[in-house]
Amino acid sequence: MKKLKKLQLEGFTLIEMLVVLLIISVLLLLFVPNLSKQKDAVSDTGNAAVVKVVESQAELYELKHGSEQATLAKLVSAGNLTQKQVDSYKAYYGKNKNEHPTVAD
């Protein structure tokens, strides 16, 4: 019997494991909302950069084609923009309603 007592390894109790899981879950509850806010901020910054690209491409299109006004459809068909850039452009102005897009649909 003495040999069996010596062979038993000490481990964590159920209470200790529950406390550790509780601490981990509280930390996750604190950090996950912050990560989603950061993702939105990064997305907004990227969309703002795409707006500048679209406006630059529109200016180049108008210079190249004379007085013809650049639209998003014309820029996509000419190969100056991708559809993903157009979607980002629209998403930016969809979120920022106080600003008005400079390039028409």
Protein backbone atom coordinates (compact mmCIF):
# COMPACT_ATOMS: atom_id res chain seq x y z
CA MET A 1 0.00 0.00 0.00
CA LYS A 2 2.87 2.37 0.73
CA LYS A 3 4.16 1.84 -2.82
CA LEU A 4 0.80 2.90 -4.31
CA LYS A 5 0.80 6.13 -2.31
CA LYS A 6 4.29 6.93 -3.52
CA LEU A 7 3.32 6.29 -7.16
CA GLN A 8 0.39 8.71 -7.10
CA LEU A 9 1.23 11.92 -8.91
CA GLU A 10 0.01 15.24 -7.69
CA GLY A 11 -2.26 17.03 -10.14
CA PHE A 12 -4.68 19.87 -10.38
CA THR A 13 -7.99 19.62 -8.60
CA LEU A 14 -11.27 20.28 -10.36
CA ILE A 15 -11.65 23.61 -8.55
CA GLU A 16 -8.24 24.79 -9.73
CA MET A 17 -9.07 23.86 -13.31
CA LEU A 18 -12.40 25.72 -13.12
CA VAL A 19 -10.69 28.84 -11.76
CA VAL A 20 -8.18 28.79 -14.62
CA LEU A 21 -10.97 28.36 -17.19
CA LEU A 22 -12.90 31.21 -15.60
CA ILE A 23 -9.88 33.53 -15.82
CA ILE A 24 -9.28 32.60 -19.46
CA SER A 25 -12.93 33.19 -20.37
CA VAL A 26 -12.94 36.61 -18.67
CA LEU A 27 -9.82 37.61 -20.60
CA LEU A 28 -11.41 36.50 -23.85
CA LEU A 29 -14.52 38.53 -23.08
CA LEU A 30 -12.32 41.59 -22.59
CA PHE A 31 -10.19 41.21 -25.72
CA VAL A 32 -12.51 39.86 -28.42
CA PRO A 33 -14.67 43.03 -28.72
CA ASN A 34 -11.52 45.14 -29.01
CA LEU A 35 -10.26 42.97 -31.85
CA SER A 36 -13.48 43.43 -33.82
CA LYS A 37 -13.27 47.21 -33.35
CA GLN A 38 -9.72 47.15 -34.66
CA LYS A 39 -10.84 45.15 -37.69
CA ASP A 40 -13.46 47.81 -38.49
CA ALA A 41 -10.88 50.58 -38.11
CA VAL A 42 -8.47 48.82 -40.47
CA SER A 43 -11.26 48.28 -42.99
CA ASP A 44 -12.24 51.97 -42.86
CA THR A 45 -8.63 53.04 -43.39
CA GLY A 46 -8.30 50.70 -46.36
CA ASN A 47 -11.51 51.98 -47.90
CA ALA A 48 -10.30 55.58 -47.48
CA ALA A 49 -7.14 54.66 -49.38
CA VAL A 50 -9.22 53.10 -52.16
CA VAL A 51 -11.21 56.35 -52.44
CA LYS A 52 -7.99 58.20 -53.24
CA VAL A 53 -7.07 55.58 -55.86
CA VAL A 54 -10.50 55.82 -57.50
CA GLU A 55 -10.35 59.62 -57.60
CA SER A 56 -6.85 59.51 -59.10
CA GLN A 57 -7.94 57.01 -61.74
CA ALA A 58 -10.96 59.18 -62.57
CA GLU A 59 -8.72 62.20 -63.10
CA LEU A 60 -6.39 60.20 -65.34
CA TYR A 61 -9.36 58.86 -67.33
CA GLU A 62 -10.74 62.37 -67.87
CA LEU A 63 -7.32 63.64 -68.98
CA LYS A 64 -6.93 60.77 -71.40
CA HIS A 65 -10.46 60.97 -72.86
CA GLY A 66 -10.88 64.73 -73.01
CA SER A 67 -14.00 66.19 -71.46
CA GLU A 68 -15.75 62.82 -71.05
CA GLN A 69 -16.77 62.38 -67.41
CA ALA A 70 -15.43 59.29 -65.66
CA THR A 71 -17.90 56.95 -64.00
CA LEU A 72 -17.23 53.82 -62.00
CA ALA A 73 -18.61 51.64 -64.80
CA LYS A 74 -16.33 53.28 -67.37
CA LEU A 75 -13.30 52.91 -65.12
CA VAL A 76 -14.00 49.21 -64.61
CA SER A 77 -14.60 48.56 -68.31
CA ALA A 78 -11.40 50.43 -69.22
CA GLY A 79 -9.45 48.28 -66.77
CA ASN A 80 -8.47 51.15 -64.49
CA LEU A 81 -10.31 49.70 -61.48
CA THR A 82 -11.37 46.30 -60.22
CA GLN A 83 -14.85 45.50 -58.99
CA LYS A 84 -13.43 45.01 -55.50
CA GLN A 85 -12.13 48.59 -55.52
CA VAL A 86 -15.54 49.84 -56.65
CA ASP A 87 -17.21 47.92 -53.83
CA SER A 88 -14.77 49.42 -51.30
CA TYR A 89 -15.43 52.89 -52.73
CA LYS A 90 -19.19 52.44 -52.35
CA ALA A 91 -18.77 50.97 -48.85
CA TYR A 92 -16.76 54.01 -47.77
CA TYR A 93 -19.41 56.46 -48.92
CA GLY A 94 -22.17 54.20 -47.61
CA LYS A 95 -20.64 54.46 -44.15
CA ASN A 96 -19.73 58.16 -44.38
CA LYS A 97 -23.04 59.67 -45.44
CA ASN A 98 -21.94 63.22 -44.69
CA GLU A 99 -19.43 63.05 -47.57
CA HIS A 100 -20.45 62.85 -51.21
CA PRO A 101 -18.67 60.70 -53.81
CA THR A 102 -16.79 62.58 -56.52
CA VAL A 103 -17.06 59.80 -59.11
CA ALA A 104 -20.55 58.89 -60.27
CA ASP A 105 -21.86 55.36 -60.70
